[in-house]
Amino acid sequence: MNVRTNDGEQTLSGTHLLLAVGRKPNTEDLNLPAAGIDTNQQGNVKVNHQLETNVPGVYALGDVKGGPQFTHISYDDFRIIRTNLLEGGNATTVGRFLPYTVFIDPQFGRIGISEVEAKGLNVRVAKLPMTRVARAIEMSETRGFMKAIVDAGLNQILGAAVLGVEGGELMSMFEIAMLGKLPYTVLKDGIFAHPTLAESLNNLFMALDK
């Protein structure tokens, strides 16, 4: 099939076509204008970093506010509301990570910034094909790779992507390190049980020593 892109017309070949056109929010029946609650052009409810609408005391959480429509994001929205309204806290959405897993075969897990988004930053990129992961070899699941973006100055992990067997679980290990602001060297030198997918983190970050 022929497609028009920013780089001109291109010809793509394949066996299947997936068309993703987004979601339309189901907010029309809520009669939000009657309460004076603002929405954007798509119909999503506008909220601030603490999930409060333009009407004081009225909050919106989950898919209705737009943005990443993941169950785990909706649950974190709940934690923000609970913390602020019931526990007297000051939680916000600022700086929270957006982990996700696409359950294709093999899985694709992502967290933080990508290599493209890191352009212009002082970063180092660690890459490892799954063909070099002992557990993946034992499972005969060597398709894919893993990649991590590391701040060259602070040595902290800024993002990671894993396309491979249990990619979502491996991505979560990167997220834990990012939440703890650990330098990548902690994972590089960590002792992980053999043979597990986790021990591949040793080899991944050893690549930065070269």
N, C-alpha and C. Protein backbone atom coordinates (compact mmCIF):
# COMPACT_ATOMS: atom_id res chain seq x y z
N MET A 1 0.84 -1.18 0.00
CA MET A 1 0.00 0.00 0.00
C MET A 1 0.89 1.24 0.00
N ASN A 2 0.37 2.33 -0.52
CA ASN A 2 1.10 3.60 -0.56
C ASN A 2 0.57 4.53 0.52
N VAL A 3 1.48 5.17 1.24
CA VAL A 3 1.09 6.11 2.29
C VAL A 3 1.86 7.41 2.11
N ARG A 4 1.21 8.51 2.49
CA ARG A 4 1.87 9.81 2.43
C ARG A 4 2.38 10.16 3.82
N THR A 5 3.66 10.51 3.92
CA THR A 5 4.27 10.89 5.19
C THR A 5 4.94 12.24 5.04
N ASN A 6 5.51 12.73 6.13
CA ASN A 6 6.23 14.01 6.07
C ASN A 6 7.45 13.93 5.17
N ASP A 7 7.92 12.70 4.94
CA ASP A 7 9.09 12.50 4.07
C ASP A 7 8.70 12.16 2.64
N GLY A 8 7.42 12.29 2.32
CA GLY A 8 6.95 11.96 0.99
C GLY A 8 6.17 10.67 0.96
N GLU A 9 5.83 10.22 -0.22
CA GLU A 9 5.04 9.00 -0.37
C GLU A 9 5.94 7.78 -0.24
N GLN A 10 5.46 6.79 0.51
CA GLN A 10 6.22 5.57 0.71
C GLN A 10 5.33 4.37 0.44
N THR A 11 5.97 3.28 0.03
CA THR A 11 5.26 2.03 -0.21
C THR A 11 5.56 1.06 0.92
N LEU A 12 4.50 0.54 1.56
CA LEU A 12 4.65 -0.40 2.66
C LEU A 12 4.06 -1.75 2.24
N SER A 13 4.73 -2.80 2.68
CA SER A 13 4.22 -4.14 2.38
C SER A 13 4.07 -4.91 3.68
N GLY A 14 3.08 -5.79 3.75
CA GLY A 14 2.86 -6.58 4.96
C GLY A 14 1.66 -7.48 4.79
N THR A 15 1.36 -8.24 5.84
CA THR A 15 0.24 -9.17 5.80
C THR A 15 -0.98 -8.64 6.55
N HIS A 16 -0.77 -7.69 7.48
CA HIS A 16 -1.87 -7.17 8.28
C HIS A 16 -1.76 -5.65 8.38
N LEU A 17 -2.88 -5.00 8.57
CA LEU A 17 -2.91 -3.55 8.75
C LEU A 17 -3.67 -3.23 10.03
N LEU A 18 -3.02 -2.48 10.93
CA LEU A 18 -3.65 -2.03 12.17
C LEU A 18 -3.86 -0.53 12.07
N LEU A 19 -5.09 -0.10 12.19
CA LEU A 19 -5.44 1.31 12.12
C LEU A 19 -5.89 1.78 13.50
N ALA A 20 -5.12 2.68 14.10
CA ALA A 20 -5.44 3.20 15.43
C ALA A 20 -5.79 4.68 15.30
N VAL A 21 -7.04 5.01 15.53
CA VAL A 21 -7.52 6.37 15.31
C VAL A 21 -7.85 7.09 16.62
N GLY A 22 -7.52 6.47 17.76
CA GLY A 22 -7.77 7.11 19.03
C GLY A 22 -9.15 6.81 19.58
N ARG A 23 -9.46 7.44 20.71
CA ARG A 23 -10.74 7.21 21.38
C ARG A 23 -11.49 8.53 21.55
N LYS A 24 -12.79 8.45 21.46
CA LYS A 24 -13.63 9.61 21.70
C LYS A 24 -14.17 9.51 23.13
N PRO A 25 -13.94 10.53 23.97
CA PRO A 25 -14.41 10.45 25.36
C PRO A 25 -15.94 10.46 25.43
N ASN A 26 -16.45 9.67 26.34
CA ASN A 26 -17.90 9.53 26.51
C ASN A 26 -18.37 10.51 27.59
N THR A 27 -18.28 11.81 27.27
CA THR A 27 -18.61 12.83 28.28
C THR A 27 -19.85 13.66 27.91
N GLU A 28 -20.39 13.45 26.73
CA GLU A 28 -21.50 14.30 26.31
C GLU A 28 -22.72 14.17 27.22
N ASP A 29 -22.99 12.97 27.71
CA ASP A 29 -24.18 12.76 28.55
C ASP A 29 -24.03 13.30 29.96
N LEU A 30 -22.83 13.75 30.32
CA LEU A 30 -22.62 14.28 31.67
C LEU A 30 -23.14 15.71 31.83
N ASN A 31 -23.42 16.35 30.70
CA ASN A 31 -23.91 17.74 30.74
C ASN A 31 -22.97 18.63 31.57
N LEU A 32 -21.70 18.55 31.26
CA LEU A 32 -20.69 19.30 32.01
C LEU A 32 -20.88 20.82 31.94
N PRO A 33 -21.34 21.37 30.82
CA PRO A 33 -21.55 22.83 30.80
C PRO A 33 -22.50 23.33 31.88
N ALA A 34 -23.45 22.48 32.29
CA ALA A 34 -24.40 22.89 33.34
C ALA A 34 -23.68 23.17 34.65
N ALA A 35 -22.58 22.50 34.88
CA ALA A 35 -21.79 22.72 36.09
C ALA A 35 -20.63 23.68 35.86
N GLY A 36 -20.48 24.13 34.60
CA GLY A 36 -19.41 25.06 34.28
C GLY A 36 -18.05 24.41 34.17
N ILE A 37 -18.01 23.10 33.94
CA ILE A 37 -16.74 22.38 33.86
C ILE A 37 -16.21 22.42 32.43
N ASP A 38 -14.97 22.83 32.28
CA ASP A 38 -14.37 22.98 30.96
C ASP A 38 -13.86 21.65 30.41
N THR A 39 -14.00 21.50 29.11
CA THR A 39 -13.42 20.37 28.39
C THR A 39 -12.59 20.90 27.23
N ASN A 40 -11.74 20.05 26.67
CA ASN A 40 -10.98 20.46 25.51
C ASN A 40 -11.77 20.14 24.23
N GLN A 41 -11.15 20.34 23.08
CA GLN A 41 -11.86 20.15 21.82
C GLN A 41 -12.28 18.70 21.62
N GLN A 42 -11.56 17.77 22.22
CA GLN A 42 -11.90 16.36 22.08
C GLN A 42 -12.99 15.93 23.05
N GLY A 43 -13.31 16.77 24.03
CA GLY A 43 -14.32 16.42 25.01
C GLY A 43 -13.76 15.92 26.32
N ASN A 44 -12.43 15.89 26.46
CA ASN A 44 -11.81 15.47 27.71
C ASN A 44 -11.93 16.58 28.75
N VAL A 45 -12.11 16.20 30.01
CA VAL A 45 -12.24 17.17 31.09
C VAL A 45 -10.86 17.76 31.40
N LYS A 46 -10.79 19.07 31.46
CA LYS A 46 -9.53 19.73 31.76
C LYS A 46 -9.27 19.70 33.28
N VAL A 47 -8.05 19.33 33.67
CA VAL A 47 -7.68 19.30 35.08
C VAL A 47 -6.29 19.89 35.25
N ASN A 48 -5.97 20.28 36.49
CA ASN A 48 -4.62 20.74 36.79
C ASN A 48 -3.78 19.56 37.29
N HIS A 49 -2.59 19.85 37.81
CA HIS A 49 -1.68 18.79 38.23
C HIS A 49 -2.18 18.01 39.45
N GLN A 50 -3.21 18.54 40.11
CA GLN A 50 -3.80 17.81 41.22
C GLN A 50 -5.18 17.26 40.86
N LEU A 51 -5.44 17.22 39.56
CA LEU A 51 -6.66 16.62 39.00
C LEU A 51 -7.93 17.39 39.32
N GLU A 52 -7.80 18.66 39.69
CA GLU A 52 -8.97 19.50 39.96
C GLU A 52 -9.38 20.22 38.69
N THR A 53 -10.68 20.26 38.43
CA THR A 53 -11.19 20.96 37.26
C THR A 53 -11.17 22.47 37.53
N ASN A 54 -11.68 23.23 36.56
CA ASN A 54 -11.77 24.69 36.75
C ASN A 54 -12.80 25.08 37.80
N VAL A 55 -13.66 24.12 38.19
CA VAL A 55 -14.64 24.37 39.25
C VAL A 55 -14.05 23.86 40.56
N PRO A 56 -13.76 24.74 41.51
CA PRO A 56 -13.15 24.31 42.78
C PRO A 56 -13.94 23.20 43.46
N GLY A 57 -13.20 22.18 43.91
CA GLY A 57 -13.83 21.08 44.61
C GLY A 57 -14.36 19.97 43.72
N VAL A 58 -14.22 20.14 42.40
CA VAL A 58 -14.66 19.11 41.46
C VAL A 58 -13.43 18.54 40.77
N TYR A 59 -13.28 17.23 40.84
CA TYR A 59 -12.08 16.57 40.32
C TYR A 59 -12.47 15.57 39.22
N ALA A 60 -11.49 15.27 38.38
CA ALA A 60 -11.70 14.25 37.34
C ALA A 60 -10.46 13.36 37.30
N LEU A 61 -10.69 12.07 37.23
CA LEU A 61 -9.57 11.14 37.19
C LEU A 61 -9.87 10.01 36.23
N GLY A 62 -8.81 9.36 35.79
CA GLY A 62 -8.97 8.26 34.84
C GLY A 62 -9.09 8.74 33.41
N ASP A 63 -9.70 7.91 32.58
CA ASP A 63 -9.74 8.17 31.14
C ASP A 63 -10.48 9.45 30.78
N VAL A 64 -11.40 9.90 31.62
CA VAL A 64 -12.25 11.04 31.28
C VAL A 64 -11.44 12.33 31.10
N LYS A 65 -10.25 12.38 31.67
CA LYS A 65 -9.43 13.58 31.56
C LYS A 65 -8.45 13.52 30.39
N GLY A 66 -8.50 12.45 29.61
CA GLY A 66 -7.60 12.33 28.47
C GLY A 66 -6.22 11.89 28.91
N GLY A 67 -5.26 12.01 28.01
CA GLY A 67 -3.91 11.57 28.32
C GLY A 67 -3.79 10.06 28.20
N PRO A 68 -2.73 9.48 28.76
CA PRO A 68 -2.54 8.02 28.69
C PRO A 68 -3.69 7.27 29.35
N GLN A 69 -4.37 6.45 28.61
CA GLN A 69 -5.56 5.76 29.14
C GLN A 69 -5.19 4.34 29.55
N PHE A 70 -4.46 4.28 30.66
CA PHE A 70 -4.03 3.00 31.21
C PHE A 70 -4.67 2.81 32.58
N THR A 71 -4.95 1.56 32.92
CA THR A 71 -5.52 1.25 34.23
C THR A 71 -4.61 1.73 35.35
N HIS A 72 -3.29 1.53 35.19
CA HIS A 72 -2.38 1.91 36.26
C HIS A 72 -2.29 3.42 36.43
N ILE A 73 -2.54 4.18 35.36
CA ILE A 73 -2.57 5.64 35.50
C ILE A 73 -3.83 6.06 36.24
N SER A 74 -4.95 5.41 35.95
CA SER A 74 -6.20 5.72 36.67
C SER A 74 -6.05 5.43 38.17
N TYR A 75 -5.36 4.33 38.47
CA TYR A 75 -5.17 3.99 39.88
C TYR A 75 -4.26 5.00 40.57
N ASP A 76 -3.26 5.49 39.85
CA ASP A 76 -2.40 6.50 40.45
C ASP A 76 -3.17 7.81 40.63
N ASP A 77 -4.08 8.11 39.71
CA ASP A 77 -4.95 9.28 39.89
C ASP A 77 -5.73 9.15 41.20
N PHE A 78 -6.24 7.95 41.48
CA PHE A 78 -6.95 7.71 42.73
C PHE A 78 -6.05 7.98 43.93
N ARG A 79 -4.79 7.55 43.86
CA ARG A 79 -3.88 7.78 44.98
C ARG A 79 -3.65 9.26 45.22
N ILE A 80 -3.61 10.04 44.13
CA ILE A 80 -3.43 11.48 44.28
C ILE A 80 -4.64 12.09 44.98
N ILE A 81 -5.82 11.73 44.55
CA ILE A 81 -7.05 12.25 45.17
C ILE A 81 -7.13 11.83 46.63
N ARG A 82 -6.85 10.56 46.92
CA ARG A 82 -6.90 10.06 48.29
C ARG A 82 -5.91 10.81 49.18
N THR A 83 -4.70 10.96 48.67
CA THR A 83 -3.66 11.63 49.45
C THR A 83 -4.04 13.07 49.77
N ASN A 84 -4.58 13.78 48.79
CA ASN A 84 -4.87 15.20 48.98
C ASN A 84 -6.16 15.46 49.75
N LEU A 85 -7.21 14.70 49.47
CA LEU A 85 -8.51 14.98 50.08
C LEU A 85 -8.72 14.28 51.41
N LEU A 86 -8.14 13.10 51.57
CA LEU A 86 -8.37 12.34 52.80
C LEU A 86 -7.20 12.37 53.76
N GLU A 87 -6.00 12.59 53.23
CA GLU A 87 -4.82 12.51 54.09
C GLU A 87 -4.11 13.85 54.24
N GLY A 88 -4.67 14.90 53.65
CA GLY A 88 -4.08 16.24 53.81
C GLY A 88 -2.74 16.40 53.14
N GLY A 89 -2.49 15.62 52.07
CA GLY A 89 -1.21 15.69 51.38
C GLY A 89 -1.20 16.71 50.26
N ASN A 90 -0.14 16.65 49.45
CA ASN A 90 0.02 17.60 48.35
C ASN A 90 0.57 16.88 47.12
N ALA A 91 -0.04 15.76 46.77
CA ALA A 91 0.43 14.95 45.65
C ALA A 91 0.02 15.58 44.32
N THR A 92 0.85 15.41 43.31
CA THR A 92 0.56 15.93 41.98
C THR A 92 0.97 14.90 40.93
N THR A 93 0.61 15.20 39.69
CA THR A 93 1.02 14.35 38.57
C THR A 93 2.38 14.75 38.02
N VAL A 94 2.95 15.82 38.54
CA VAL A 94 4.23 16.33 38.02
C VAL A 94 5.34 15.31 38.29
N GLY A 95 6.07 14.95 37.25
CA GLY A 95 7.23 14.09 37.40
C GLY A 95 6.94 12.62 37.54
N ARG A 96 5.68 12.21 37.47
CA ARG A 96 5.41 10.77 37.63
C ARG A 96 5.79 10.04 36.34
N PHE A 97 6.25 8.83 36.49
CA PHE A 97 6.65 8.03 35.35
C PHE A 97 5.42 7.45 34.64
N LEU A 98 5.61 7.16 33.37
CA LEU A 98 4.55 6.56 32.58
C LEU A 98 5.05 5.22 32.03
N PRO A 99 4.96 4.16 32.83
CA PRO A 99 5.36 2.84 32.32
C PRO A 99 4.21 2.21 31.54
N TYR A 100 4.54 1.45 30.53
CA TYR A 100 3.49 0.69 29.86
C TYR A 100 4.08 -0.53 29.17
N THR A 101 3.22 -1.49 28.95
CA THR A 101 3.60 -2.72 28.25
C THR A 101 2.57 -2.99 27.17
N VAL A 102 3.07 -3.27 25.97
CA VAL A 102 2.21 -3.69 24.88
C VAL A 102 2.34 -5.20 24.79
N PHE A 103 1.24 -5.91 25.00
CA PHE A 103 1.29 -7.36 25.11
C PHE A 103 1.19 -8.02 23.73
N ILE A 104 2.19 -7.66 22.92
CA ILE A 104 2.36 -8.32 21.64
C ILE A 104 3.31 -9.49 21.85
N ASP A 105 3.73 -10.13 20.79
CA ASP A 105 4.63 -11.27 20.91
C ASP A 105 5.88 -11.01 20.07
N PRO A 106 7.02 -10.69 20.72
CA PRO A 106 7.24 -10.64 22.17
C PRO A 106 6.75 -9.31 22.77
N GLN A 107 6.68 -9.27 24.10
CA GLN A 107 6.20 -8.08 24.80
C GLN A 107 7.11 -6.88 24.54
N PHE A 108 6.48 -5.69 24.60
CA PHE A 108 7.24 -4.45 24.49
C PHE A 108 6.94 -3.59 25.71
N GLY A 109 7.95 -3.34 26.54
CA GLY A 109 7.79 -2.51 27.72
C GLY A 109 8.61 -1.24 27.60
N ARG A 110 8.03 -0.11 28.06
CA ARG A 110 8.75 1.16 27.97
C ARG A 110 8.54 2.00 29.22
N ILE A 111 9.57 2.77 29.57
CA ILE A 111 9.52 3.68 30.72
C ILE A 111 10.46 4.85 30.44
N GLY A 112 10.07 6.04 30.84
CA GLY A 112 10.95 7.20 30.69
C GLY A 112 11.09 7.66 29.25
N ILE A 113 12.20 8.34 28.97
CA ILE A 113 12.40 8.92 27.64
C ILE A 113 13.02 7.90 26.69
N SER A 114 12.81 8.13 25.41
CA SER A 114 13.37 7.27 24.38
C SER A 114 14.69 7.86 23.87
N GLU A 115 15.36 7.11 23.03
CA GLU A 115 16.62 7.60 22.46
C GLU A 115 16.38 8.83 21.60
N VAL A 116 15.27 8.86 20.90
CA VAL A 116 14.93 10.02 20.08
C VAL A 116 14.68 11.24 20.96
N GLU A 117 13.94 11.04 22.04
CA GLU A 117 13.63 12.16 22.95
C GLU A 117 14.87 12.65 23.69
N ALA A 118 15.90 11.81 23.75
CA ALA A 118 17.12 12.17 24.46
C ALA A 118 18.09 12.98 23.61
N LYS A 119 17.76 13.19 22.35
CA LYS A 119 18.66 13.95 21.47
C LYS A 119 18.86 15.35 22.02
N GLY A 120 20.12 15.77 22.06
CA GLY A 120 20.45 17.08 22.61
C GLY A 120 20.85 17.02 24.07
N LEU A 121 20.57 15.90 24.73
CA LEU A 121 20.95 15.71 26.13
C LEU A 121 22.28 14.96 26.20
N ASN A 122 22.96 15.10 27.32
CA ASN A 122 24.23 14.41 27.52
C ASN A 122 23.94 13.02 28.08
N VAL A 123 23.74 12.07 27.18
CA VAL A 123 23.34 10.72 27.60
C VAL A 123 24.24 9.67 26.95
N ARG A 124 24.17 8.50 27.51
CA ARG A 124 24.80 7.31 26.93
C ARG A 124 23.70 6.27 26.74
N VAL A 125 23.86 5.44 25.73
CA VAL A 125 22.83 4.45 25.40
C VAL A 125 23.43 3.06 25.48
N ALA A 126 22.81 2.22 26.28
CA ALA A 126 23.22 0.82 26.42
C ALA A 126 22.24 -0.06 25.66
N LYS A 127 22.76 -0.97 24.85
CA LYS A 127 21.91 -1.85 24.05
C LYS A 127 22.37 -3.30 24.21
N LEU A 128 21.41 -4.20 24.19
CA LEU A 128 21.73 -5.62 24.28
C LEU A 128 20.68 -6.44 23.54
N PRO A 129 21.10 -7.24 22.56
CA PRO A 129 20.12 -8.11 21.88
C PRO A 129 19.74 -9.27 22.79
N MET A 130 18.52 -9.74 22.65
CA MET A 130 18.07 -10.86 23.48
C MET A 130 18.83 -12.14 23.16
N THR A 131 19.53 -12.18 22.06
CA THR A 131 20.35 -13.35 21.73
C THR A 131 21.54 -13.49 22.68
N ARG A 132 21.78 -12.45 23.49
CA ARG A 132 22.87 -12.51 24.47
C ARG A 132 22.34 -12.64 25.90
N VAL A 133 21.08 -12.97 26.03
CA VAL A 133 20.46 -13.16 27.34
C VAL A 133 20.31 -14.67 27.59
N ALA A 134 21.02 -15.18 28.58
CA ALA A 134 21.07 -16.62 28.81
C ALA A 134 19.68 -17.23 28.99
N ARG A 135 18.84 -16.60 29.79
CA ARG A 135 17.52 -17.14 30.04
C ARG A 135 16.68 -17.17 28.77
N ALA A 136 16.81 -16.14 27.94
CA ALA A 136 16.08 -16.09 26.68
C ALA A 136 16.52 -17.22 25.76
N ILE A 137 17.82 -17.51 25.78
CA ILE A 137 18.33 -18.61 24.96
C ILE A 137 17.76 -19.93 25.43
N GLU A 138 17.73 -20.13 26.76
CA GLU A 138 17.19 -21.37 27.31
C GLU A 138 15.72 -21.55 26.98
N MET A 139 14.99 -20.43 26.87
CA MET A 139 13.57 -20.48 26.59
C MET A 139 13.28 -20.49 25.08
N SER A 140 14.34 -20.42 24.28
CA SER A 140 14.19 -20.33 22.82
C SER A 140 13.35 -19.12 22.43
N GLU A 141 13.56 -18.00 23.17
CA GLU A 141 12.84 -16.75 22.92
C GLU A 141 13.86 -15.63 22.78
N THR A 142 14.64 -15.66 21.72
CA THR A 142 15.74 -14.71 21.57
C THR A 142 15.41 -13.54 20.65
N ARG A 143 14.13 -13.36 20.35
CA ARG A 143 13.75 -12.22 19.52
C ARG A 143 13.80 -10.94 20.35
N GLY A 144 14.23 -9.85 19.72
CA GLY A 144 14.15 -8.55 20.36
C GLY A 144 15.46 -8.05 20.95
N PHE A 145 15.32 -7.05 21.82
CA PHE A 145 16.48 -6.36 22.39
C PHE A 145 16.04 -5.58 23.61
N MET A 146 17.01 -5.05 24.34
CA MET A 146 16.72 -4.10 25.40
C MET A 146 17.65 -2.90 25.27
N LYS A 147 17.18 -1.77 25.74
CA LYS A 147 17.93 -0.52 25.58
C LYS A 147 17.68 0.35 26.80
N ALA A 148 18.71 1.04 27.25
CA ALA A 148 18.56 1.97 28.38
C ALA A 148 19.25 3.28 28.06
N ILE A 149 18.62 4.39 28.44
CA ILE A 149 19.18 5.73 28.27
C ILE A 149 19.69 6.18 29.63
N VAL A 150 20.97 6.56 29.69
CA VAL A 150 21.61 6.91 30.96
C VAL A 150 22.15 8.33 30.91
N ASP A 151 21.91 9.09 31.96
CA ASP A 151 22.50 10.43 32.09
C ASP A 151 24.01 10.28 32.22
N ALA A 152 24.76 10.88 31.30
CA ALA A 152 26.21 10.69 31.28
C ALA A 152 26.90 11.32 32.48
N GLY A 153 26.27 12.29 33.12
CA GLY A 153 26.89 12.93 34.26
C GLY A 153 26.52 12.28 35.58
N LEU A 154 25.23 12.06 35.78
CA LEU A 154 24.74 11.49 37.05
C LEU A 154 24.70 9.97 37.05
N ASN A 155 24.83 9.36 35.87
CA ASN A 155 24.76 7.89 35.72
C ASN A 155 23.39 7.32 36.07
N GLN A 156 22.38 8.17 36.14
CA GLN A 156 21.04 7.68 36.44
C GLN A 156 20.31 7.28 35.16
N ILE A 157 19.43 6.31 35.28
CA ILE A 157 18.67 5.81 34.13
C ILE A 157 17.52 6.78 33.85
N LEU A 158 17.44 7.24 32.61
CA LEU A 158 16.40 8.19 32.22
C LEU A 158 15.26 7.52 31.47
N GLY A 159 15.51 6.34 30.93
CA GLY A 159 14.48 5.64 30.19
C GLY A 159 14.97 4.28 29.75
N ALA A 160 14.05 3.42 29.39
CA ALA A 160 14.40 2.08 28.95
C ALA A 160 13.30 1.53 28.08
N ALA A 161 13.69 0.63 27.19
CA ALA A 161 12.73 -0.08 26.34
C ALA A 161 13.18 -1.52 26.24
N VAL A 162 12.23 -2.43 26.34
CA VAL A 162 12.53 -3.86 26.23
C VAL A 162 11.53 -4.49 25.28
N LEU A 163 12.03 -5.02 24.18
CA LEU A 163 11.21 -5.81 23.26
C LEU A 163 11.73 -7.23 23.36
N GLY A 164 11.00 -8.07 24.04
CA GLY A 164 11.47 -9.43 24.25
C GLY A 164 10.58 -10.17 25.23
N VAL A 165 10.95 -11.41 25.50
CA VAL A 165 10.18 -12.23 26.42
C VAL A 165 10.09 -11.53 27.78
N GLU A 166 8.88 -11.42 28.32
CA GLU A 166 8.61 -10.74 29.59
C GLU A 166 9.18 -9.32 29.60
N GLY A 167 9.03 -8.64 28.47
CA GLY A 167 9.55 -7.27 28.37
C GLY A 167 8.98 -6.33 29.41
N GLY A 168 7.71 -6.54 29.78
CA GLY A 168 7.10 -5.68 30.79
C GLY A 168 7.71 -5.87 32.16
N GLU A 169 8.04 -7.10 32.51
CA GLU A 169 8.66 -7.36 33.81
C GLU A 169 10.06 -6.76 33.89
N LEU A 170 10.82 -6.91 32.81
CA LEU A 170 12.16 -6.32 32.79
C LEU A 170 12.08 -4.80 32.85
N MET A 171 11.13 -4.22 32.11
CA MET A 171 10.95 -2.78 32.16
C MET A 171 10.67 -2.31 33.58
N SER A 172 9.91 -3.08 34.33
CA SER A 172 9.58 -2.70 35.70
C SER A 172 10.81 -2.66 36.60
N MET A 173 11.81 -3.47 36.29
CA MET A 173 13.05 -3.43 37.06
C MET A 173 13.78 -2.10 36.83
N PHE A 174 13.75 -1.64 35.58
CA PHE A 174 14.33 -0.33 35.29
C PHE A 174 13.56 0.77 36.04
N GLU A 175 12.24 0.64 36.07
CA GLU A 175 11.43 1.66 36.75
C GLU A 175 11.76 1.72 38.24
N ILE A 176 11.94 0.58 38.87
CA ILE A 176 12.28 0.57 40.29
C ILE A 176 13.59 1.30 40.53
N ALA A 177 14.57 1.06 39.65
CA ALA A 177 15.85 1.76 39.78
C ALA A 177 15.68 3.26 39.57
N MET A 178 14.81 3.63 38.64
CA MET A 178 14.56 5.06 38.39
C MET A 178 13.84 5.71 39.56
N LEU A 179 12.89 5.01 40.16
CA LEU A 179 12.18 5.54 41.32
C LEU A 179 13.15 5.79 42.48
N GLY A 180 14.13 4.89 42.63
CA GLY A 180 15.12 5.03 43.69
C GLY A 180 16.30 5.91 43.32
N LYS A 181 16.27 6.45 42.07
CA LYS A 181 17.36 7.32 41.58
C LYS A 181 18.72 6.62 41.70
N LEU A 182 18.73 5.33 41.40
CA LEU A 182 19.97 4.57 41.48
C LEU A 182 20.82 4.81 40.24
N PRO A 183 22.12 4.90 40.38
CA PRO A 183 22.99 4.94 39.20
C PRO A 183 22.96 3.58 38.52
N TYR A 184 23.19 3.58 37.23
CA TYR A 184 23.14 2.32 36.49
C TYR A 184 24.17 1.32 36.99
N THR A 185 25.22 1.80 37.63
CA THR A 185 26.28 0.92 38.11
C THR A 185 25.78 -0.05 39.18
N VAL A 186 24.72 0.33 39.90
CA VAL A 186 24.16 -0.58 40.91
C VAL A 186 23.61 -1.83 40.23
N LEU A 187 22.95 -1.65 39.09
CA LEU A 187 22.42 -2.80 38.36
C LEU A 187 23.54 -3.54 37.63
N LYS A 188 24.50 -2.80 37.15
CA LYS A 188 25.61 -3.44 36.44
C LYS A 188 26.38 -4.39 37.36
N ASP A 189 26.55 -4.00 38.60
CA ASP A 189 27.34 -4.79 39.54
C ASP A 189 26.49 -5.65 40.48
N GLY A 190 25.17 -5.59 40.32
CA GLY A 190 24.29 -6.36 41.19
C GLY A 190 24.39 -7.86 40.93
N ILE A 191 24.13 -8.64 41.95
CA ILE A 191 24.13 -10.09 41.81
C ILE A 191 22.68 -10.55 41.64
N PHE A 192 22.38 -11.10 40.48
CA PHE A 192 21.04 -11.59 40.19
C PHE A 192 21.10 -13.10 39.99
N ALA A 193 20.09 -13.79 40.42
CA ALA A 193 20.07 -15.25 40.35
C ALA A 193 20.21 -15.73 38.91
N HIS A 194 20.94 -16.80 38.76
CA HIS A 194 21.12 -17.42 37.45
C HIS A 194 20.34 -18.73 37.42
N PRO A 195 19.63 -19.00 36.34
CA PRO A 195 19.49 -18.16 35.14
C PRO A 195 18.15 -17.41 35.17
N THR A 196 18.19 -16.12 35.31
CA THR A 196 16.97 -15.31 35.26
C THR A 196 17.15 -14.24 34.20
N LEU A 197 16.05 -13.66 33.78
CA LEU A 197 16.12 -12.55 32.84
C LEU A 197 16.79 -11.34 33.49
N ALA A 198 16.66 -11.23 34.80
CA ALA A 198 17.21 -10.08 35.51
C ALA A 198 18.71 -9.96 35.36
N GLU A 199 19.42 -11.09 35.29
CA GLU A 199 20.87 -11.01 35.23
C GLU A 199 21.37 -10.41 33.91
N SER A 200 20.46 -10.25 32.94
CA SER A 200 20.84 -9.60 31.69
C SER A 200 21.19 -8.13 31.91
N LEU A 201 20.73 -7.55 33.04
CA LEU A 201 21.07 -6.16 33.33
C LEU A 201 22.57 -5.99 33.54
N ASN A 202 23.24 -7.02 34.03
CA ASN A 202 24.70 -6.97 34.15
C ASN A 202 25.33 -6.72 32.79
N ASN A 203 24.98 -7.56 31.83
CA ASN A 203 25.57 -7.46 30.50
C ASN A 203 25.16 -6.19 29.77
N LEU A 204 23.92 -5.79 29.97
CA LEU A 204 23.44 -4.56 29.30
C LEU A 204 24.31 -3.37 29.69
N PHE A 205 24.51 -3.18 30.98
CA PHE A 205 25.23 -1.98 31.42
C PHE A 205 26.75 -2.14 31.35
N MET A 206 27.24 -3.37 31.25
CA MET A 206 28.66 -3.54 31.01
C MET A 206 29.09 -2.96 29.67
N ALA A 207 28.13 -2.88 28.75
CA ALA A 207 28.40 -2.31 27.43
C ALA A 207 28.86 -0.86 27.53
N LEU A 208 28.46 -0.17 28.62
CA LEU A 208 28.86 1.23 28.78
C LEU A 208 30.30 1.36 29.23
N ASP A 209 30.93 0.25 29.66
CA ASP A 209 32.32 0.29 30.08
C ASP A 209 33.28 0.27 28.92
N LYS A 210 32.76 -0.05 27.74
CA LYS A 210 33.64 -0.18 26.58
C LYS A 210 34.00 1.19 26.02
